Every structure is written in C-alpha cells, then in structure tokens.
Amino acid sequence: MIKAHAVRFSLPTITIVFHGGEPLLVGTSDLECFARTARKMLEPLVQVRMGIPTNGVLIDDDVLRICDSWKIQIGVSRDGGELEHDRHRLWKSPASEIRRSIAPA
C-alpha cells in the first residue's frame, strides 16, 4: 500500500514513524526486520526516512546498532518535569524514570 501510494502520487520522500505506546516493546528483531523490509521494498522508488519516538528507557546497544544501521532517527519524549513524568509511570521505583532514561549506559 505504501509503495503504491508513493508511486501514484510521485512522492520523492516518505517518512515512516514507528509509533504506538512504547514502540521499542516490539523487540529488536522485529524492529530490524521491518526497517530492512521497508527499505528493500521502497528505496528503489522513493527516499525513506524513519523515526521512532520513545521514552528512552528501552534504548540499549542493540537498539542503537539497529537505528544506526537502518538510519532510524530516535526522538526521546517525556511528560513534563521529573515529578510530572514519574507521576504517570505505572511502576514506582526509588530511581526516577527520567533519570534512568537519560543516564549514560
């Protein structure tokens, strides 16, 4: 469908955003498979940009490798300041989730 739409409207570029809840919950193998498949099917016809919004907690070396390999841009979101952000988390831990998401690996 995406390919047909891009061809029909002569789109020079399309942007695919992996979105919904926490998109990194899909797992690294599925993320990589989708990125590889999208590029393989679309890039001969149209430039593909990819992005993924995340709270950053699940970013690890594998995610960074996949995003680098397949040129997926990462956007890190947060819900306000530290208190507001942590108030909306379903789990409560001694460490702030904001601090965990921006801490160096």
PDB file of N, CA and C in Angstrom:
ATOM      1  N   MET A   1       0.809  -1.191   0.000  1.00  0.00           N
ATOM      2  CA  MET A   1       0.000   0.000   0.000  1.00  0.00           C
ATOM      3  C   MET A   1       0.856   1.261   0.000  1.00  0.00           C
ATOM      4  N   ILE A   2       1.880   1.292   0.827  1.00  0.00           N
ATOM      5  CA  ILE A   2       2.736   2.479   0.891  1.00  0.00           C
ATOM      6  C   ILE A   2       3.438   2.683  -0.437  1.00  0.00           C
ATOM      7  N   LYS A   3       3.951   1.594  -1.009  1.00  0.00           N
ATOM      8  CA  LYS A   3       4.647   1.663  -2.291  1.00  0.00           C
ATOM      9  C   LYS A   3       3.715   2.177  -3.386  1.00  0.00           C
ATOM     10  N   ALA A   4       2.519   1.631  -3.464  1.00  0.00           N
ATOM     11  CA  ALA A   4       1.554   2.055  -4.480  1.00  0.00           C
ATOM     12  C   ALA A   4       1.195   3.527  -4.313  1.00  0.00           C
ATOM     13  N   HIS A   5       1.023   3.974  -3.093  1.00  0.00           N
ATOM     14  CA  HIS A   5       0.688   5.380  -2.821  1.00  0.00           C
ATOM     15  C   HIS A   5       1.830   6.295  -3.258  1.00  0.00           C
ATOM     16  N   ALA A   6       3.058   5.913  -2.910  1.00  0.00           N
ATOM     17  CA  ALA A   6       4.226   6.729  -3.277  1.00  0.00           C
ATOM     18  C   ALA A   6       4.364   6.837  -4.789  1.00  0.00           C
ATOM     19  N   VAL A   7       4.139   5.728  -5.492  1.00  0.00           N
ATOM     20  CA  VAL A   7       4.236   5.735  -6.959  1.00  0.00           C
ATOM     21  C   VAL A   7       3.099   6.552  -7.561  1.00  0.00           C
ATOM     22  N   ARG A   8       1.892   6.324  -7.100  1.00  0.00           N
ATOM     23  CA  ARG A   8       0.719   7.017  -7.662  1.00  0.00           C
ATOM     24  C   ARG A   8       0.845   8.538  -7.573  1.00  0.00           C
ATOM     25  N   PHE A   9       1.388   9.023  -6.457  1.00  0.00           N
ATOM     26  CA  PHE A   9       1.474  10.462  -6.253  1.00  0.00           C
ATOM     27  C   PHE A   9       2.883  11.015  -6.472  1.00  0.00           C
ATOM     28  N   SER A  10       3.759  10.203  -7.057  1.00  0.00           N
ATOM     29  CA  SER A  10       5.133  10.622  -7.385  1.00  0.00           C
ATOM     30  C   SER A  10       5.829  11.274  -6.191  1.00  0.00           C
ATOM     31  N   LEU A  11       5.736  10.629  -5.048  1.00  0.00           N
ATOM     32  CA  LEU A  11       6.342  11.178  -3.840  1.00  0.00           C
ATOM     33  C   LEU A  11       7.854  10.968  -3.881  1.00  0.00           C
ATOM     34  N   PRO A  12       8.645  12.013  -3.683  1.00  0.00           N
ATOM     35  CA  PRO A  12      10.094  11.837  -3.677  1.00  0.00           C
ATOM     36  C   PRO A  12      10.601  11.228  -2.369  1.00  0.00           C
ATOM     37  N   THR A  13       9.863  11.453  -1.269  1.00  0.00           N
ATOM     38  CA  THR A  13      10.269  11.014   0.059  1.00  0.00           C
ATOM     39  C   THR A  13       9.050  10.606   0.862  1.00  0.00           C
ATOM     40  N   ILE A  14       9.199   9.572   1.663  1.00  0.00           N
ATOM     41  CA  ILE A  14       8.171   9.230   2.638  1.00  0.00           C
ATOM     42  C   ILE A  14       8.835   9.089   4.000  1.00  0.00           C
ATOM     43  N   THR A  15       8.055   9.327   5.033  1.00  0.00           N
ATOM     44  CA  THR A  15       8.542   9.170   6.397  1.00  0.00           C
ATOM     45  C   THR A  15       7.707   8.107   7.084  1.00  0.00           C
ATOM     46  N   ILE A  16       8.385   7.125   7.645  1.00  0.00           N
ATOM     47  CA  ILE A  16       7.726   6.067   8.413  1.00  0.00           C
ATOM     48  C   ILE A  16       8.097   6.278   9.875  1.00  0.00           C
ATOM     49  N   VAL A  17       7.081   6.396  10.728  1.00  0.00           N
ATOM     50  CA  VAL A  17       7.311   6.585  12.159  1.00  0.00           C
ATOM     51  C   VAL A  17       6.770   5.359  12.880  1.00  0.00           C
ATOM     52  N   PHE A  18       7.636   4.677  13.606  1.00  0.00           N
ATOM     53  CA  PHE A  18       7.235   3.530  14.422  1.00  0.00           C
ATOM     54  C   PHE A  18       6.602   4.119  15.680  1.00  0.00           C
ATOM     55  N   HIS A  19       5.297   3.995  15.810  1.00  0.00           N
ATOM     56  CA  HIS A  19       4.591   4.733  16.843  1.00  0.00           C
ATOM     57  C   HIS A  19       3.595   3.827  17.550  1.00  0.00           C
ATOM     58  N   GLY A  20       3.203   4.194  18.740  1.00  0.00           N
ATOM     59  CA  GLY A  20       2.141   3.496  19.446  1.00  0.00           C
ATOM     60  C   GLY A  20       2.591   3.001  20.798  1.00  0.00           C
ATOM     61  N   GLY A  21       2.132   3.637  21.852  1.00  0.00           N
ATOM     62  CA  GLY A  21       2.557   3.230  23.188  1.00  0.00           C
ATOM     63  C   GLY A  21       4.060   3.414  23.311  1.00  0.00           C
ATOM     64  N   GLU A  22       4.762   2.357  23.570  1.00  0.00           N
ATOM     65  CA  GLU A  22       6.234   2.362  23.562  1.00  0.00           C
ATOM     66  C   GLU A  22       6.678   1.460  22.420  1.00  0.00           C
ATOM     67  N   PRO A  23       7.024   2.040  21.268  1.00  0.00           N
ATOM     68  CA  PRO A  23       7.321   1.236  20.084  1.00  0.00           C
ATOM     69  C   PRO A  23       8.497   0.277  20.238  1.00  0.00           C
ATOM     70  N   LEU A  24       9.401   0.529  21.165  1.00  0.00           N
ATOM     71  CA  LEU A  24      10.531  -0.387  21.331  1.00  0.00           C
ATOM     72  C   LEU A  24      10.118  -1.704  21.978  1.00  0.00           C
ATOM     73  N   LEU A  25       8.891  -1.786  22.487  1.00  0.00           N
ATOM     74  CA  LEU A  25       8.403  -3.054  23.038  1.00  0.00           C
ATOM     75  C   LEU A  25       8.249  -4.117  21.950  1.00  0.00           C
ATOM     76  N   VAL A  26       8.263  -3.737  20.705  1.00  0.00           N
ATOM     77  CA  VAL A  26       8.165  -4.704  19.608  1.00  0.00           C
ATOM     78  C   VAL A  26       9.357  -5.657  19.607  1.00  0.00           C
ATOM     79  N   GLY A  27      10.462  -5.218  20.152  1.00  0.00           N
ATOM     80  CA  GLY A  27      11.666  -6.045  20.182  1.00  0.00           C
ATOM     81  C   GLY A  27      12.603  -5.704  19.035  1.00  0.00           C
ATOM     82  N   THR A  28      13.866  -5.972  19.246  1.00  0.00           N
ATOM     83  CA  THR A  28      14.876  -5.561  18.258  1.00  0.00           C
ATOM     84  C   THR A  28      14.784  -6.351  16.960  1.00  0.00           C
ATOM     85  N   SER A  29      14.457  -7.632  17.020  1.00  0.00           N
ATOM     86  CA  SER A  29      14.413  -8.407  15.772  1.00  0.00           C
ATOM     87  C   SER A  29      13.277  -7.940  14.868  1.00  0.00           C
ATOM     88  N   ASP A  30      12.112  -7.653  15.440  1.00  0.00           N
ATOM     89  CA  ASP A  30      11.001  -7.154  14.621  1.00  0.00           C
ATOM     90  C   ASP A  30      11.267  -5.738  14.111  1.00  0.00           C
ATOM     91  N   LEU A  31      11.864  -4.898  14.939  1.00  0.00           N
ATOM     92  CA  LEU A  31      12.206  -3.543  14.511  1.00  0.00           C
ATOM     93  C   LEU A  31      13.155  -3.598  13.319  1.00  0.00           C
ATOM     94  N   GLU A  32      14.185  -4.414  13.435  1.00  0.00           N
ATOM     95  CA  GLU A  32      15.160  -4.527  12.343  1.00  0.00           C
ATOM     96  C   GLU A  32      14.530  -5.133  11.090  1.00  0.00           C
ATOM     97  N   CYS A  33      13.702  -6.140  11.252  1.00  0.00           N
ATOM     98  CA  CYS A  33      13.030  -6.771  10.110  1.00  0.00           C
ATOM     99  C   CYS A  33      12.154  -5.761   9.373  1.00  0.00           C
ATOM    100  N   PHE A  34      11.372  -4.979  10.105  1.00  0.00           N
ATOM    101  CA  PHE A  34      10.506  -4.002   9.456  1.00  0.00           C
ATOM    102  C   PHE A  34      11.323  -2.936   8.734  1.00  0.00           C
ATOM    103  N   ALA A  35      12.374  -2.431   9.379  1.00  0.00           N
ATOM    104  CA  ALA A  35      13.203  -1.395   8.746  1.00  0.00           C
ATOM    105  C   ALA A  35      13.862  -1.927   7.483  1.00  0.00           C
ATOM    106  N   ARG A  36      14.412  -3.131   7.562  1.00  0.00           N
ATOM    107  CA  ARG A  36      15.067  -3.737   6.405  1.00  0.00           C
ATOM    108  C   ARG A  36      14.071  -3.945   5.267  1.00  0.00           C
ATOM    109  N   THR A  37      12.899  -4.474   5.585  1.00  0.00           N
ATOM    110  CA  THR A  37      11.878  -4.741   4.573  1.00  0.00           C
ATOM    111  C   THR A  37      11.383  -3.450   3.933  1.00  0.00           C
ATOM    112  N   ALA A  38      11.136  -2.435   4.747  1.00  0.00           N
ATOM    113  CA  ALA A  38      10.665  -1.156   4.204  1.00  0.00           C
ATOM    114  C   ALA A  38      11.688  -0.557   3.241  1.00  0.00           C
ATOM    115  N   ARG A  39      12.937  -0.560   3.634  1.00  0.00           N
ATOM    116  CA  ARG A  39      13.978  -0.002   2.750  1.00  0.00           C
ATOM    117  C   ARG A  39      14.108  -0.820   1.473  1.00  0.00           C
ATOM    118  N   LYS A  40      14.104  -2.153   1.594  1.00  0.00           N
ATOM    119  CA  LYS A  40      14.252  -3.027   0.427  1.00  0.00           C
ATOM    120  C   LYS A  40      13.121  -2.820  -0.580  1.00  0.00           C
ATOM    121  N   MET A  41      11.908  -2.667  -0.082  1.00  0.00           N
ATOM    122  CA  MET A  41      10.752  -2.540  -0.971  1.00  0.00           C
ATOM    123  C   MET A  41      10.575  -1.140  -1.536  1.00  0.00           C
ATOM    124  N   LEU A  42      10.970  -0.125  -0.780  1.00  0.00           N
ATOM    125  CA  LEU A  42      10.628   1.243  -1.166  1.00  0.00           C
ATOM    126  C   LEU A  42      11.774   2.053  -1.767  1.00  0.00           C
ATOM    127  N   GLU A  43      12.997   1.820  -1.312  1.00  0.00           N
ATOM    128  CA  GLU A  43      14.081   2.721  -1.700  1.00  0.00           C
ATOM    129  C   GLU A  43      14.421   2.759  -3.186  1.00  0.00           C
ATOM    130  N   PRO A  44      14.173   1.739  -3.916  1.00  0.00           N
ATOM    131  CA  PRO A  44      14.430   1.948  -5.342  1.00  0.00           C
ATOM    132  C   PRO A  44      13.521   3.029  -5.962  1.00  0.00           C
ATOM    133  N   LEU A  45      12.385   3.284  -5.310  1.00  0.00           N
ATOM    134  CA  LEU A  45      11.395   4.210  -5.874  1.00  0.00           C
ATOM    135  C   LEU A  45      11.304   5.546  -5.160  1.00  0.00           C
ATOM    136  N   VAL A  46      11.600   5.554  -3.865  1.00  0.00           N
ATOM    137  CA  VAL A  46      11.369   6.740  -3.053  1.00  0.00           C
ATOM    138  C   VAL A  46      12.382   6.772  -1.905  1.00  0.00           C
ATOM    139  N   GLN A  47      12.793   7.967  -1.507  1.00  0.00           N
ATOM    140  CA  GLN A  47      13.668   8.095  -0.348  1.00  0.00           C
ATOM    141  C   GLN A  47      12.844   7.822   0.907  1.00  0.00           C
ATOM    142  N   VAL A  48      13.387   7.007   1.800  1.00  0.00           N
ATOM    143  CA  VAL A  48      12.678   6.620   3.023  1.00  0.00           C
ATOM    144  C   VAL A  48      13.376   7.232   4.226  1.00  0.00           C
ATOM    145  N   ARG A  49      12.598   7.943   5.029  1.00  0.00           N
ATOM    146  CA  ARG A  49      13.073   8.421   6.335  1.00  0.00           C
ATOM    147  C   ARG A  49      12.301   7.650   7.389  1.00  0.00           C
ATOM    148  N   MET A  50      12.996   7.254   8.453  1.00  0.00           N
ATOM    149  CA  MET A  50      12.334   6.510   9.530  1.00  0.00           C
ATOM    150  C   MET A  50      12.644   7.160  10.874  1.00  0.00           C
ATOM    151  N   GLY A  51      11.664   7.092  11.764  1.00  0.00           N
ATOM    152  CA  GLY A  51      11.845   7.633  13.099  1.00  0.00           C
ATOM    153  C   GLY A  51      11.099   6.805  14.120  1.00  0.00           C
ATOM    154  N   ILE A  52      11.522   6.939  15.368  1.00  0.00           N
ATOM    155  CA  ILE A  52      10.871   6.222  16.456  1.00  0.00           C
ATOM    156  C   ILE A  52      10.850   7.106  17.704  1.00  0.00           C
ATOM    157  N   PRO A  53       9.654   7.427  18.207  1.00  0.00           N
ATOM    158  CA  PRO A  53       9.568   8.156  19.476  1.00  0.00           C
ATOM    159  C   PRO A  53       9.580   7.150  20.630  1.00  0.00           C
ATOM    160  N   THR A  54      10.272   7.477  21.696  1.00  0.00           N
ATOM    161  CA  THR A  54      10.391   6.570  22.827  1.00  0.00           C
ATOM    162  C   THR A  54      10.628   7.370  24.101  1.00  0.00           C
ATOM    163  N   ASN A  55      10.342   6.761  25.237  1.00  0.00           N
ATOM    164  CA  ASN A  55      10.687   7.422  26.497  1.00  0.00           C
ATOM    165  C   ASN A  55      12.154   7.192  26.838  1.00  0.00           C
ATOM    166  N   GLY A  56      12.830   6.360  26.062  1.00  0.00           N
ATOM    167  CA  GLY A  56      14.267   6.166  26.212  1.00  0.00           C
ATOM    168  C   GLY A  56      14.679   5.048  27.143  1.00  0.00           C
ATOM    169  N   VAL A  57      13.769   4.520  27.934  1.00  0.00           N
ATOM    170  CA  VAL A  57      14.141   3.518  28.928  1.00  0.00           C
ATOM    171  C   VAL A  57      14.645   2.225  28.274  1.00  0.00           C
ATOM    172  N   LEU A  58      14.101   1.858  27.117  1.00  0.00           N
ATOM    173  CA  LEU A  58      14.477   0.595  26.478  1.00  0.00           C
ATOM    174  C   LEU A  58      15.610   0.728  25.458  1.00  0.00           C
ATOM    175  N   ILE A  59      16.182   1.907  25.334  1.00  0.00           N
ATOM    176  CA  ILE A  59      17.306   2.067  24.413  1.00  0.00           C
ATOM    177  C   ILE A  59      18.531   1.356  24.997  1.00  0.00           C
ATOM    178  N   ASP A  60      19.093   0.455  24.208  1.00  0.00           N
ATOM    179  CA  ASP A  60      20.322  -0.229  24.605  1.00  0.00           C
ATOM    180  C   ASP A  60      21.243  -0.308  23.380  1.00  0.00           C
ATOM    181  N   ASP A  61      22.347  -1.005  23.517  1.00  0.00           N
ATOM    182  CA  ASP A  61      23.308  -1.082  22.413  1.00  0.00           C
ATOM    183  C   ASP A  61      22.702  -1.702  21.163  1.00  0.00           C
ATOM    184  N   ASP A  62      21.849  -2.721  21.312  1.00  0.00           N
ATOM    185  CA  ASP A  62      21.223  -3.347  20.146  1.00  0.00           C
ATOM    186  C   ASP A  62      20.302  -2.370  19.419  1.00  0.00           C
ATOM    187  N   VAL A  63      19.503  -1.639  20.169  1.00  0.00           N
ATOM    188  CA  VAL A  63      18.614  -0.639  19.561  1.00  0.00           C
ATOM    189  C   VAL A  63      19.440   0.412  18.821  1.00  0.00           C
ATOM    190  N   LEU A  64      20.502   0.881  19.453  1.00  0.00           N
ATOM    191  CA  LEU A  64      21.355   1.896  18.814  1.00  0.00           C
ATOM    192  C   LEU A  64      22.011   1.356  17.549  1.00  0.00           C
ATOM    193  N   ARG A  65      22.441   0.096  17.569  1.00  0.00           N
ATOM    194  CA  ARG A  65      23.049  -0.516  16.384  1.00  0.00           C
ATOM    195  C   ARG A  65      22.037  -0.595  15.241  1.00  0.00           C
ATOM    196  N   ILE A  66      20.835  -1.035  15.555  1.00  0.00           N
ATOM    197  CA  ILE A  66      19.790  -1.157  14.527  1.00  0.00           C
ATOM    198  C   ILE A  66      19.431   0.207  13.964  1.00  0.00           C
ATOM    199  N   CYS A  67      19.244   1.173  14.840  1.00  0.00           N
ATOM    200  CA  CYS A  67      18.882   2.516  14.377  1.00  0.00           C
ATOM    201  C   CYS A  67      19.997   3.129  13.530  1.00  0.00           C
ATOM    202  N   ASP A  68      21.230   2.881  13.894  1.00  0.00           N
ATOM    203  CA  ASP A  68      22.354   3.377  13.103  1.00  0.00           C
ATOM    204  C   ASP A  68      22.421   2.662  11.752  1.00  0.00           C
ATOM    205  N   SER A  69      22.303   1.350  11.760  1.00  0.00           N
ATOM    206  CA  SER A  69      22.394   0.555  10.532  1.00  0.00           C
ATOM    207  C   SER A  69      21.308   0.904   9.526  1.00  0.00           C
ATOM    208  N   TRP A  70      20.103   1.107  10.014  1.00  0.00           N
ATOM    209  CA  TRP A  70      18.964   1.337   9.121  1.00  0.00           C
ATOM    210  C   TRP A  70      18.530   2.803   9.085  1.00  0.00           C
ATOM    211  N   LYS A  71      19.334   3.676   9.667  1.00  0.00           N
ATOM    212  CA  LYS A  71      19.095   5.123   9.643  1.00  0.00           C
ATOM    213  C   LYS A  71      17.713   5.479  10.188  1.00  0.00           C
ATOM    214  N   ILE A  72      17.444   4.997  11.387  1.00  0.00           N
ATOM    215  CA  ILE A  72      16.200   5.317  12.093  1.00  0.00           C
ATOM    216  C   ILE A  72      16.529   6.402  13.109  1.00  0.00           C
ATOM    217  N   GLN A  73      15.875   7.549  12.987  1.00  0.00           N
ATOM    218  CA  GLN A  73      16.096   8.633  13.940  1.00  0.00           C
ATOM    219  C   GLN A  73      15.310   8.353  15.216  1.00  0.00           C
ATOM    220  N   ILE A  74      15.917   8.680  16.347  1.00  0.00           N
ATOM    221  CA  ILE A  74      15.284   8.456  17.648  1.00  0.00           C
ATOM    222  C   ILE A  74      14.879   9.794  18.255  1.00  0.00           C
ATOM    223  N   GLY A  75      13.637   9.884  18.698  1.00  0.00           N
ATOM    224  CA  GLY A  75      13.164  11.042  19.447  1.00  0.00           C
ATOM    225  C   GLY A  75      12.781  10.596  20.839  1.00  0.00           C
ATOM    226  N   VAL A  76      13.331  11.237  21.856  1.00  0.00           N
ATOM    227  CA  VAL A  76      13.023  10.863  23.235  1.00  0.00           C
ATOM    228  C   VAL A  76      12.004  11.852  23.799  1.00  0.00           C
ATOM    229  N   SER A  77      10.897  11.317  24.308  1.00  0.00           N
ATOM    230  CA  SER A  77       9.833  12.160  24.865  1.00  0.00           C
ATOM    231  C   SER A  77       9.803  12.017  26.379  1.00  0.00           C
ATOM    232  N   ARG A  78       9.230  12.996  26.996  1.00  0.00           N
ATOM    233  CA  ARG A  78       8.995  12.929  28.439  1.00  0.00           C
ATOM    234  C   ARG A  78       7.745  13.727  28.762  1.00  0.00           C
ATOM    235  N   ASP A  79       7.140  13.384  29.879  1.00  0.00           N
ATOM    236  CA  ASP A  79       5.887  14.007  30.288  1.00  0.00           C
ATOM    237  C   ASP A  79       6.159  15.105  31.303  1.00  0.00           C
ATOM    238  N   GLY A  80       6.622  16.260  30.844  1.00  0.00           N
ATOM    239  CA  GLY A  80       6.883  17.377  31.743  1.00  0.00           C
ATOM    240  C   GLY A  80       8.180  17.217  32.498  1.00  0.00           C
ATOM    241  N   GLY A  81       8.246  17.825  33.675  1.00  0.00           N
ATOM    242  CA  GLY A  81       9.424  17.734  34.522  1.00  0.00           C
ATOM    243  C   GLY A  81       9.508  16.385  35.215  1.00  0.00           C
ATOM    244  N   GLU A  82      10.514  16.227  36.049  1.00  0.00           N
ATOM    245  CA  GLU A  82      10.749  14.937  36.694  1.00  0.00           C
ATOM    246  C   GLU A  82       9.552  14.468  37.514  1.00  0.00           C
ATOM    247  N   LEU A  83       8.977  15.337  38.323  1.00  0.00           N
ATOM    248  CA  LEU A  83       7.837  14.928  39.159  1.00  0.00           C
ATOM    249  C   LEU A  83       6.624  14.545  38.318  1.00  0.00           C
ATOM    250  N   GLU A  84       6.319  15.357  37.298  1.00  0.00           N
ATOM    251  CA  GLU A  84       5.163  15.068  36.447  1.00  0.00           C
ATOM    252  C   GLU A  84       5.378  13.787  35.659  1.00  0.00           C
ATOM    253  N   HIS A  85       6.574  13.631  35.127  1.00  0.00           N
ATOM    254  CA  HIS A  85       6.891  12.453  34.325  1.00  0.00           C
ATOM    255  C   HIS A  85       6.738  11.182  35.164  1.00  0.00           C
ATOM    256  N   ASP A  86       7.349  11.168  36.323  1.00  0.00           N
ATOM    257  CA  ASP A  86       7.321   9.978  37.161  1.00  0.00           C
ATOM    258  C   ASP A  86       5.935   9.696  37.736  1.00  0.00           C
ATOM    259  N   ARG A  87       5.122  10.724  37.926  1.00  0.00           N
ATOM    260  CA  ARG A  87       3.776  10.544  38.463  1.00  0.00           C
ATOM    261  C   ARG A  87       2.924   9.674  37.536  1.00  0.00           C
ATOM    262  N   HIS A  88       3.181   9.714  36.233  1.00  0.00           N
ATOM    263  CA  HIS A  88       2.368   8.990  35.254  1.00  0.00           C
ATOM    264  C   HIS A  88       2.894   7.594  34.952  1.00  0.00           C
ATOM    265  N   ARG A  89       3.963   7.182  35.576  1.00  0.00           N
ATOM    266  CA  ARG A  89       4.506   5.852  35.356  1.00  0.00           C
ATOM    267  C   ARG A  89       3.727   4.844  36.180  1.00  0.00           C
ATOM    268  N   LEU A  90       3.476   3.667  35.637  1.00  0.00           N
ATOM    269  CA  LEU A  90       2.692   2.653  36.338  1.00  0.00           C
ATOM    270  C   LEU A  90       3.477   1.972  37.449  1.00  0.00           C
ATOM    271  N   TRP A  91       4.793   2.003  37.358  1.00  0.00           N
ATOM    272  CA  TRP A  91       5.622   1.389  38.387  1.00  0.00           C
ATOM    273  C   TRP A  91       6.247   2.486  39.233  1.00  0.00           C
ATOM    274  N   LYS A  92       6.508   2.175  40.430  1.00  0.00           N
ATOM    275  CA  LYS A  92       7.155   3.135  41.326  1.00  0.00           C
ATOM    276  C   LYS A  92       8.468   2.515  41.789  1.00  0.00           C
ATOM    277  N   SER A  93       9.533   3.204  41.545  1.00  0.00           N
ATOM    278  CA  SER A  93      10.835   2.707  41.985  1.00  0.00           C
ATOM    279  C   SER A  93      11.571   3.863  42.646  1.00  0.00           C
ATOM    280  N   PRO A  94      12.575   3.554  43.435  1.00  0.00           N
ATOM    281  CA  PRO A  94      13.314   4.621  44.103  1.00  0.00           C
ATOM    282  C   PRO A  94      14.004   5.560  43.120  1.00  0.00           C
ATOM    283  N   ALA A  95      14.409   5.033  41.960  1.00  0.00           N
ATOM    284  CA  ALA A  95      15.103   5.852  40.963  1.00  0.00           C
ATOM    285  C   ALA A  95      14.085   6.491  40.029  1.00  0.00           C
ATOM    286  N   SER A  96      14.275   7.751  39.753  1.00  0.00           N
ATOM    287  CA  SER A  96      13.403   8.459  38.829  1.00  0.00           C
ATOM    288  C   SER A  96      13.505   7.840  37.439  1.00  0.00           C
ATOM    289  N   GLU A  97      12.369   7.650  36.790  1.00  0.00           N
ATOM    290  CA  GLU A  97      12.379   7.121  35.423  1.00  0.00           C
ATOM    291  C   GLU A  97      13.023   8.115  34.459  1.00  0.00           C
ATOM    292  N   ILE A  98      12.846   9.402  34.703  1.00  0.00           N
ATOM    293  CA  ILE A  98      13.512  10.416  33.874  1.00  0.00           C
ATOM    294  C   ILE A  98      15.019  10.218  33.960  1.00  0.00           C
ATOM    295  N   ARG A  99      15.514  10.053  35.146  1.00  0.00           N
ATOM    296  CA  ARG A  99      16.962   9.883  35.328  1.00  0.00           C
ATOM    297  C   ARG A  99      17.455   8.599  34.672  1.00  0.00           C
ATOM    298  N   ARG A 100      16.658   7.524  34.757  1.00  0.00           N
ATOM    299  CA  ARG A 100      17.038   6.263  34.106  1.00  0.00           C
ATOM    300  C   ARG A 100      17.081   6.435  32.601  1.00  0.00           C
ATOM    301  N   SER A 101      16.135   7.160  32.027  1.00  0.00           N
ATOM    302  CA  SER A 101      16.064   7.266  30.574  1.00  0.00           C
ATOM    303  C   SER A 101      17.174   8.125  29.983  1.00  0.00           C
ATOM    304  N   ILE A 102      17.731   9.037  30.769  1.00  0.00           N
ATOM    305  CA  ILE A 102      18.802   9.897  30.220  1.00  0.00           C
ATOM    306  C   ILE A 102      20.175   9.541  30.770  1.00  0.00           C
ATOM    307  N   ALA A 103      20.248   8.538  31.647  1.00  0.00           N
ATOM    308  CA  ALA A 103      21.535   8.159  32.235  1.00  0.00           C
ATOM    309  C   ALA A 103      22.436   7.517  31.185  1.00  0.00           C
ATOM    310  N   PRO A 104      23.733   7.759  31.275  1.00  0.00           N
ATOM    311  CA  PRO A 104      24.638   7.077  30.353  1.00  0.00           C
ATOM    312  C   PRO A 104      24.615   5.569  30.582  1.00  0.00           C
ATOM    313  N   ALA A 105      24.789   4.843  29.508  1.00  0.00           N
ATOM    314  CA  ALA A 105      24.766   3.366  29.614  1.00  0.00           C
ATOM    315  C   ALA A 105      26.012   2.846  30.284  1.00  0.00           C
TER     316      ALA A 105
END
